[in-house]
PDB file of N, CA and C in Angstrom:
ATOM      1  N   MET A   1     118.598  90.663  70.403  1.00  0.00           N
ATOM      2  CA  MET A   1     118.983  91.272  71.648  1.00  0.00           C
ATOM      3  C   MET A   1     118.852  92.790  71.512  1.00  0.00           C
ATOM      4  N   THR A   2     118.121  93.399  72.417  1.00  0.00           N
ATOM      5  CA  THR A   2     117.925  94.841  72.362  1.00  0.00           C
ATOM      6  C   THR A   2     119.004  95.546  73.170  1.00  0.00           C
ATOM      7  N   PRO A   3     119.436  96.695  72.703  1.00  0.00           N
ATOM      8  CA  PRO A   3     120.438  97.428  73.476  1.00  0.00           C
ATOM      9  C   PRO A   3     119.814  97.976  74.756  1.00  0.00           C
ATOM     10  N   SER A   4     120.573  97.965  75.832  1.00  0.00           N
ATOM     11  CA  SER A   4     120.046  98.464  77.098  1.00  0.00           C
ATOM     12  C   SER A   4     119.999  99.989  77.060  1.00  0.00           C
ATOM     13  N   THR A   5     118.981 100.520  77.647  1.00  0.00           N
ATOM     14  CA  THR A   5     118.832 101.972  77.688  1.00  0.00           C
ATOM     15  C   THR A   5     119.568 102.516  78.901  1.00  0.00           C
ATOM     16  N   SER A   6     120.029 103.723  78.782  1.00  0.00           N
ATOM     17  CA  SER A   6     120.764 104.330  79.882  1.00  0.00           C
ATOM     18  C   SER A   6     119.787 104.807  80.958  1.00  0.00           C
ATOM     19  N   LEU A   7     120.338 105.091  82.105  1.00  0.00           N
ATOM     20  CA  LEU A   7     119.519 105.564  83.219  1.00  0.00           C
ATOM     21  C   LEU A   7     118.846 106.891  82.888  1.00  0.00           C
ATOM     22  N   LEU A   8     119.531 107.749  82.169  1.00  0.00           N
ATOM     23  CA  LEU A   8     118.949 109.032  81.792  1.00  0.00           C
ATOM     24  C   LEU A   8     117.735 108.841  80.886  1.00  0.00           C
ATOM     25  N   HIS A   9     117.792 107.880  79.977  1.00  0.00           N
ATOM     26  CA  HIS A   9     116.647 107.608  79.113  1.00  0.00           C
ATOM     27  C   HIS A   9     115.469 107.088  79.918  1.00  0.00           C
ATOM     28  N   ARG A  10     115.733 106.286  80.919  1.00  0.00           N
ATOM     29  CA  ARG A  10     114.654 105.744  81.747  1.00  0.00           C
ATOM     30  C   ARG A  10     114.034 106.807  82.647  1.00  0.00           C
ATOM     31  N   CYS A  11     114.828 107.788  83.053  1.00  0.00           N
ATOM     32  CA  CYS A  11     114.354 108.825  83.971  1.00  0.00           C
ATOM     33  C   CYS A  11     113.828 110.068  83.263  1.00  0.00           C
ATOM     34  N   ALA A  12     113.921 110.146  81.963  1.00  0.00           N
ATOM     35  CA  ALA A  12     113.646 111.391  81.245  1.00  0.00           C
ATOM     36  C   ALA A  12     112.239 111.932  81.502  1.00  0.00           C
ATOM     37  N   LEU A  13     111.230 111.092  81.401  1.00  0.00           N
ATOM     38  CA  LEU A  13     109.865 111.571  81.612  1.00  0.00           C
ATOM     39  C   LEU A  13     109.649 111.975  83.064  1.00  0.00           C
ATOM     40  N   GLY A  14     110.204 111.212  83.989  1.00  0.00           N
ATOM     41  CA  GLY A  14     110.091 111.564  85.400  1.00  0.00           C
ATOM     42  C   GLY A  14     110.771 112.879  85.717  1.00  0.00           C
ATOM     43  N   LEU A  15     111.943 113.102  85.124  1.00  0.00           N
ATOM     44  CA  LEU A  15     112.633 114.373  85.331  1.00  0.00           C
ATOM     45  C   LEU A  15     111.856 115.529  84.719  1.00  0.00           C
ATOM     46  N   TRP A  16     111.199 115.270  83.602  1.00  0.00           N
ATOM     47  CA  TRP A  16     110.369 116.305  82.977  1.00  0.00           C
ATOM     48  C   TRP A  16     109.202 116.662  83.893  1.00  0.00           C
ATOM     49  N   PHE A  17     108.548 115.643  84.459  1.00  0.00           N
ATOM     50  CA  PHE A  17     107.455 115.895  85.400  1.00  0.00           C
ATOM     51  C   PHE A  17     107.957 116.644  86.642  1.00  0.00           C
ATOM     52  N   LEU A  18     109.121 116.263  87.143  1.00  0.00           N
ATOM     53  CA  LEU A  18     109.683 116.969  88.295  1.00  0.00           C
ATOM     54  C   LEU A  18     109.949 118.440  87.967  1.00  0.00           C
ATOM     55  N   GLY A  19     110.477 118.694  86.792  1.00  0.00           N
ATOM     56  CA  GLY A  19     110.741 120.074  86.382  1.00  0.00           C
ATOM     57  C   GLY A  19     109.468 120.887  86.249  1.00  0.00           C
ATOM     58  N   LEU A  20     108.451 120.293  85.626  1.00  0.00           N
ATOM     59  CA  LEU A  20     107.175 121.004  85.507  1.00  0.00           C
ATOM     60  C   LEU A  20     106.548 121.251  86.870  1.00  0.00           C
ATOM     61  N   GLY A  21     106.636 120.266  87.745  1.00  0.00           N
ATOM     62  CA  GLY A  21     106.097 120.438  89.102  1.00  0.00           C
ATOM     63  C   GLY A  21     106.834 121.522  89.859  1.00  0.00           C
ATOM     64  N   PHE A  22     108.161 121.551  89.724  1.00  0.00           N
ATOM     65  CA  PHE A  22     108.943 122.589  90.389  1.00  0.00           C
ATOM     66  C   PHE A  22     108.581 123.973  89.856  1.00  0.00           C
ATOM     67  N   LEU A  23     108.443 124.099  88.539  1.00  0.00           N
ATOM     68  CA  LEU A  23     108.065 125.398  87.968  1.00  0.00           C
ATOM     69  C   LEU A  23     106.671 125.820  88.411  1.00  0.00           C
ATOM     70  N   GLY A  24     105.755 124.860  88.523  1.00  0.00           N
ATOM     71  CA  GLY A  24     104.422 125.172  89.026  1.00  0.00           C
ATOM     72  C   GLY A  24     104.440 125.621  90.472  1.00  0.00           C
ATOM     73  N   LEU A  25     105.254 124.957  91.291  1.00  0.00           N
ATOM     74  CA  LEU A  25     105.382 125.383  92.687  1.00  0.00           C
ATOM     75  C   LEU A  25     106.028 126.758  92.795  1.00  0.00           C
ATOM     76  N   LEU A  26     106.978 127.028  91.917  1.00  0.00           N
ATOM     77  CA  LEU A  26     107.585 128.360  91.889  1.00  0.00           C
ATOM     78  C   LEU A  26     106.553 129.409  91.512  1.00  0.00           C
ATOM     79  N   ARG A  27     105.707 129.109  90.531  1.00  0.00           N
ATOM     80  CA  ARG A  27     104.648 130.040  90.128  1.00  0.00           C
ATOM     81  C   ARG A  27     103.649 130.247  91.258  1.00  0.00           C
ATOM     82  N   TRP A  28     103.309 129.160  91.961  1.00  0.00           N
ATOM     83  CA  TRP A  28     102.398 129.281  93.103  1.00  0.00           C
ATOM     84  C   TRP A  28     103.028 130.158  94.177  1.00  0.00           C
ATOM     85  N   TRP A  29     104.316 129.942  94.470  1.00  0.00           N
ATOM     86  CA  TRP A  29     104.992 130.726  95.491  1.00  0.00           C
ATOM     87  C   TRP A  29     105.047 132.206  95.111  1.00  0.00           C
ATOM     88  N   MET A  30     105.270 132.510  93.834  1.00  0.00           N
ATOM     89  CA  MET A  30     105.296 133.904  93.398  1.00  0.00           C
ATOM     90  C   MET A  30     103.937 134.558  93.620  1.00  0.00           C
ATOM     91  N   ARG A  31     102.875 133.839  93.297  1.00  0.00           N
ATOM     92  CA  ARG A  31     101.543 134.408  93.493  1.00  0.00           C
ATOM     93  C   ARG A  31     101.192 134.499  94.972  1.00  0.00           C
ATOM     94  N   TYR A  32     101.617 133.511  95.747  1.00  0.00           N
ATOM     95  CA  TYR A  32     101.374 133.540  97.194  1.00  0.00           C
ATOM     96  C   TYR A  32     102.088 134.707  97.846  1.00  0.00           C
ATOM     97  N   SER A  33     103.332 134.941  97.465  1.00  0.00           N
ATOM     98  CA  SER A  33     104.080 136.043  98.072  1.00  0.00           C
ATOM     99  C   SER A  33     103.526 137.400  97.653  1.00  0.00           C
ATOM    100  N   ARG A  34     102.861 137.449  96.511  1.00  0.00           N
ATOM    101  CA  ARG A  34     102.269 138.708  96.076  1.00  0.00           C
ATOM    102  C   ARG A  34     100.923 138.951  96.742  1.00  0.00           C
ATOM    103  N   ASP A  35     100.049 137.920  96.798  1.00  0.00           N
ATOM    104  CA  ASP A  35      98.698 138.115  97.310  1.00  0.00           C
ATOM    105  C   ASP A  35      98.519 137.659  98.753  1.00  0.00           C
ATOM    106  N   ALA A  36      99.215 136.624  99.163  1.00  0.00           N
ATOM    107  CA  ALA A  36      99.156 136.054 100.517  1.00  0.00           C
ATOM    108  C   ALA A  36      97.750 135.592 100.900  1.00  0.00           C
ATOM    109  N   GLN A  37      96.950 135.188  99.935  1.00  0.00           N
ATOM    110  CA  GLN A  37      95.636 134.613 100.198  1.00  0.00           C
ATOM    111  C   GLN A  37      95.654 133.195  99.641  1.00  0.00           C
ATOM    112  N   VAL A  38      96.136 132.282 100.440  1.00  0.00           N
ATOM    113  CA  VAL A  38      96.404 130.937  99.952  1.00  0.00           C
ATOM    114  C   VAL A  38      95.134 130.218  99.527  1.00  0.00           C
ATOM    115  N   PHE A  39      94.128 130.208 100.355  1.00  0.00           N
ATOM    116  CA  PHE A  39      92.961 129.375 100.088  1.00  0.00           C
ATOM    117  C   PHE A  39      91.741 130.162  99.624  1.00  0.00           C
ATOM    118  N   ALA A  40      91.951 131.398  99.208  1.00  0.00           N
ATOM    119  CA  ALA A  40      90.830 132.208  98.761  1.00  0.00           C
ATOM    120  C   ALA A  40      90.591 132.118  97.255  1.00  0.00           C
ATOM    121  N   ASP A  41      91.542 131.599  96.524  1.00  0.00           N
ATOM    122  CA  ASP A  41      91.487 131.652  95.072  1.00  0.00           C
ATOM    123  C   ASP A  41      91.574 130.244  94.486  1.00  0.00           C
ATOM    124  N   ALA A  42      90.671 129.937  93.558  1.00  0.00           N
ATOM    125  CA  ALA A  42      90.675 128.611  92.923  1.00  0.00           C
ATOM    126  C   ALA A  42      91.903 128.411  92.043  1.00  0.00           C
ATOM    127  N   VAL A  43      92.431 129.470  91.469  1.00  0.00           N
ATOM    128  CA  VAL A  43      93.613 129.362  90.628  1.00  0.00           C
ATOM    129  C   VAL A  43      94.820 128.933  91.462  1.00  0.00           C
ATOM    130  N   MET A  44      94.919 129.465  92.664  1.00  0.00           N
ATOM    131  CA  MET A  44      96.031 129.072  93.538  1.00  0.00           C
ATOM    132  C   MET A  44      95.920 127.607  93.931  1.00  0.00           C
ATOM    133  N   HIS A  45      94.704 127.131  94.133  1.00  0.00           N
ATOM    134  CA  HIS A  45      94.504 125.710  94.426  1.00  0.00           C
ATOM    135  C   HIS A  45      94.958 124.853  93.237  1.00  0.00           C
ATOM    136  N   ALA A  46      94.592 125.270  92.055  1.00  0.00           N
ATOM    137  CA  ALA A  46      94.967 124.500  90.863  1.00  0.00           C
ATOM    138  C   ALA A  46      96.483 124.455  90.706  1.00  0.00           C
ATOM    139  N   TRP A  47      97.161 125.574  90.901  1.00  0.00           N
ATOM    140  CA  TRP A  47      98.623 125.594  90.790  1.00  0.00           C
ATOM    141  C   TRP A  47      99.260 124.718  91.849  1.00  0.00           C
ATOM    142  N   LEU A  48      98.797 124.851  93.090  1.00  0.00           N
ATOM    143  CA  LEU A  48      99.421 124.114  94.189  1.00  0.00           C
ATOM    144  C   LEU A  48      99.212 122.614  94.046  1.00  0.00           C
ATOM    145  N   TRP A  49      97.972 122.176  93.918  1.00  0.00           N
ATOM    146  CA  TRP A  49      97.694 120.735  93.891  1.00  0.00           C
ATOM    147  C   TRP A  49      98.156 120.086  92.593  1.00  0.00           C
ATOM    148  N   GLY A  50      98.049 120.801  91.492  1.00  0.00           N
ATOM    149  CA  GLY A  50      98.558 120.273  90.234  1.00  0.00           C
ATOM    150  C   GLY A  50     100.070 120.123  90.253  1.00  0.00           C
ATOM    151  N   SER A  51     100.752 121.104  90.810  1.00  0.00           N
ATOM    152  CA  SER A  51     102.209 121.043  90.892  1.00  0.00           C
ATOM    153  C   SER A  51     102.667 119.947  91.842  1.00  0.00           C
ATOM    154  N   LEU A  52     101.998 119.817  92.973  1.00  0.00           N
ATOM    155  CA  LEU A  52     102.344 118.741  93.904  1.00  0.00           C
ATOM    156  C   LEU A  52     102.099 117.372  93.277  1.00  0.00           C
ATOM    157  N   GLY A  53     101.012 117.257  92.519  1.00  0.00           N
ATOM    158  CA  GLY A  53     100.726 115.998  91.834  1.00  0.00           C
ATOM    159  C   GLY A  53     101.782 115.658  90.792  1.00  0.00           C
ATOM    160  N   LEU A  54     102.163 116.643  89.991  1.00  0.00           N
ATOM    161  CA  LEU A  54     103.213 116.415  88.989  1.00  0.00           C
ATOM    162  C   LEU A  54     104.545 116.060  89.639  1.00  0.00           C
ATOM    163  N   THR A  55     104.865 116.729  90.736  1.00  0.00           N
ATOM    164  CA  THR A  55     106.109 116.430  91.440  1.00  0.00           C
ATOM    165  C   THR A  55     106.090 115.013  91.993  1.00  0.00           C
ATOM    166  N   ALA A  56     104.955 114.592  92.551  1.00  0.00           N
ATOM    167  CA  ALA A  56     104.847 113.226  93.092  1.00  0.00           C
ATOM    168  C   ALA A  56     104.965 112.184  91.979  1.00  0.00           C
ATOM    169  N   ILE A  57     104.293 112.425  90.864  1.00  0.00           N
ATOM    170  CA  ILE A  57     104.381 111.488  89.740  1.00  0.00           C
ATOM    171  C   ILE A  57     105.818 111.407  89.231  1.00  0.00           C
ATOM    172  N   GLY A  58     106.477 112.549  89.101  1.00  0.00           N
ATOM    173  CA  GLY A  58     107.867 112.561  88.646  1.00  0.00           C
ATOM    174  C   GLY A  58     108.789 111.841  89.611  1.00  0.00           C
ATOM    175  N   ALA A  59     108.600 112.050  90.910  1.00  0.00           N
ATOM    176  CA  ALA A  59     109.454 111.387  91.897  1.00  0.00           C
ATOM    177  C   ALA A  59     109.251 109.880  91.873  1.00  0.00           C
ATOM    178  N   ILE A  60     108.004 109.439  91.734  1.00  0.00           N
ATOM    179  CA  ILE A  60     107.729 107.997  91.652  1.00  0.00           C
ATOM    180  C   ILE A  60     108.351 107.412  90.394  1.00  0.00           C
ATOM    181  N   TRP A  61     108.223 108.117  89.287  1.00  0.00           N
ATOM    182  CA  TRP A  61     108.772 107.636  88.015  1.00  0.00           C
ATOM    183  C   TRP A  61     110.299 107.494  88.095  1.00  0.00           C
ATOM    184  N   VAL A  62     110.958 108.497  88.650  1.00  0.00           N
ATOM    185  CA  VAL A  62     112.418 108.452  88.762  1.00  0.00           C
ATOM    186  C   VAL A  62     112.840 107.353  89.731  1.00  0.00           C
ATOM    187  N   ALA A  63     112.126 107.199  90.839  1.00  0.00           N
ATOM    188  CA  ALA A  63     112.467 106.146  91.800  1.00  0.00           C
ATOM    189  C   ALA A  63     112.315 104.758  91.174  1.00  0.00           C
ATOM    190  N   ARG A  64     111.252 104.565  90.397  1.00  0.00           N
ATOM    191  CA  ARG A  64     111.068 103.273  89.723  1.00  0.00           C
ATOM    192  C   ARG A  64     112.157 103.033  88.685  1.00  0.00           C
ATOM    193  N   ALA A  65     112.588 104.082  87.988  1.00  0.00           N
ATOM    194  CA  ALA A  65     113.657 103.934  86.999  1.00  0.00           C
ATOM    195  C   ALA A  65     114.973 103.574  87.682  1.00  0.00           C
ATOM    196  N   PHE A  66     115.261 104.213  88.820  1.00  0.00           N
ATOM    197  CA  PHE A  66     116.472 103.869  89.564  1.00  0.00           C
ATOM    198  C   PHE A  66     116.420 102.440  90.064  1.00  0.00           C
ATOM    199  N   ALA A  67     115.262 102.002  90.565  1.00  0.00           N
ATOM    200  CA  ALA A  67     115.133 100.631  91.059  1.00  0.00           C
ATOM    201  C   ALA A  67     115.300  99.624  89.929  1.00  0.00           C
ATOM    202  N   ALA A  68     114.709  99.905  88.777  1.00  0.00           N
ATOM    203  CA  ALA A  68     114.856  99.001  87.636  1.00  0.00           C
ATOM    204  C   ALA A  68     116.304  98.968  87.153  1.00  0.00           C
ATOM    205  N   HIS A  69     116.958 100.121  87.158  1.00  0.00           N
ATOM    206  CA  HIS A  69     118.354 100.171  86.743  1.00  0.00           C
ATOM    207  C   HIS A  69     119.222  99.372  87.712  1.00  0.00           C
ATOM    208  N   ARG A  70     118.951  99.490  89.011  1.00  0.00           N
ATOM    209  CA  ARG A  70     119.730  98.757  89.999  1.00  0.00           C
ATOM    210  C   ARG A  70     119.511  97.242  89.868  1.00  0.00           C
ATOM    211  N   ARG A  71     118.236  96.838  89.656  1.00  0.00           N
ATOM    212  CA  ARG A  71     117.949  95.401  89.466  1.00  0.00           C
ATOM    213  C   ARG A  71     118.650  94.871  88.229  1.00  0.00           C
ATOM    214  N   HIS A  72     118.613  95.660  87.158  1.00  0.00           N
ATOM    215  CA  HIS A  72     119.242  95.237  85.897  1.00  0.00           C
ATOM    216  C   HIS A  72     120.760  95.158  86.056  1.00  0.00           C
ATOM    217  N   ARG A  73     121.321  96.110  86.773  1.00  0.00           N
ATOM    218  CA  ARG A  73     122.766  96.125  86.977  1.00  0.00           C
ATOM    219  C   ARG A  73     123.213  94.966  87.883  1.00  0.00           C
ATOM    220  N   ASP A  74     122.435  94.662  88.923  1.00  0.00           N
ATOM    221  CA  ASP A  74     122.785  93.582  89.849  1.00  0.00           C
ATOM    222  C   ASP A  74     122.612  92.192  89.210  1.00  0.00           C
ATOM    223  N   ALA A  75     121.750  92.087  88.196  1.00  0.00           N
ATOM    224  CA  ALA A  75     121.501  90.807  87.561  1.00  0.00           C
ATOM    225  C   ALA A  75     122.657  90.379  86.662  1.00  0.00           C
ATOM    226  N   ARG A  76     123.501  91.300  86.297  1.00  0.00           N
ATOM    227  CA  ARG A  76     124.620  90.968  85.393  1.00  0.00           C
ATOM    228  C   ARG A  76     125.656  90.151  86.039  1.00  0.00           C
TER     229      ARG A  76
END
């Protein structure tokens, strides 16, 4: 019998992705507020779309961990 993992252990990678995505969006916002040329620079595109992608992956990961935790808890 394996010990059950806590919700924090299940969400750790998703929370890490969410944090990286948030920091990337913050970096994009800092550059946007300085230059205000949103679609003129390829670097701004990379920051924006990469950060949004990381945030989406993190949110999906955390949502799946919560759903699995709820299913596991309800099965008891």
